[in-house]
Amino acid sequence: MNGEPRIGDVFGELLRDAWAVETGIGPRPLVGGRLPRPVIEIIERDDGLINGAPAAHYLAGPEHWQPYDHRAVDRVRGAALDIGVGGGRIALRLQELGAPVTGLDVSAGALAVCRRRGVRDLVHATVDAHAGDGRRYDTFLLLGNNLGLIEGQDRAPVFLAALAAMARPGAQIIAHGTDPYGTTDPVHTGYHERNRRSGRLGGQLRLRLRYRELGTDWFDYLVCTPDELAGLVQGAGWRLTDVDDADAPYYLATLRLEG
């Protein structure tokens, strides 16, 4: 025993348990062997900061969404790829509206939960791998703060090129991001400065997820301003055309395929 978590499908395991708590279907984590306990996702940053968040929001219906989620769904056109589909909340809503949608995730457990909830078209792959499958889309969704999946300066061109390879003419990306720099908390401002000194963007997080005895490998996750995003997409085949910051510091960024 070394105190380190066992590497596994953290997201899939916590979604499975959150679904069991919500529905009463399947084994549930219990307090004292009797009462269902809330499922908490633990997010560990590489400076030692630990945060926890209830996992139930990954399953939330539209009545519990934030306003920007509704506005994002309203902007979907044509066939959509929901990247990081998670518990399937966005994909399920698009299905209800009659929109063709495919859910993509690297978590087999998350996709199993989506399937049980009724999401019909699911792909277990990375964006890079799926780009070779020959499927084409009109809208790419990076919701639930999944703009972070572009990771940083090094990864962004590769990620955006993979989306361009799957894009039909006139395709769009609708991404939910957060401006990280409104805080005055020295725990965060100090982290931003440390990142800049090492040549990273201030909000380029180094994280791992934890749940029960499981953990993920460490990964980069980018929290950036719209101006930083505009710089990242230059020369990557996409153009930032709109920023909806009505719910600042959260924003919806719309990018359109160039050419």
Foldseek 3Di string as FASTA:
>chain_A
DPPAFAADLFLLVLLVQLVCLVPVPDDHDADVVPHGDFFWKWKAFPVGDIDIDTPNVLVDEPVPDDPVLVVLLVPDDAEEEEECCFQPRSLVVCVVVVHHYEYEDCRPSRVVNNVVVPRDHYDNDHLQVVLPVPAATQEYECPPQNVQVCQFLVSVLVNLLSNVSRYDAWHKYKHKAFAQPPDPPCVLVVQLVVQVVVVTHSQFTWIWMDGDRHIHPTGTTGHHDPVVVQVSCVPSQKHFDDWAQPPPSMIITMITGDD
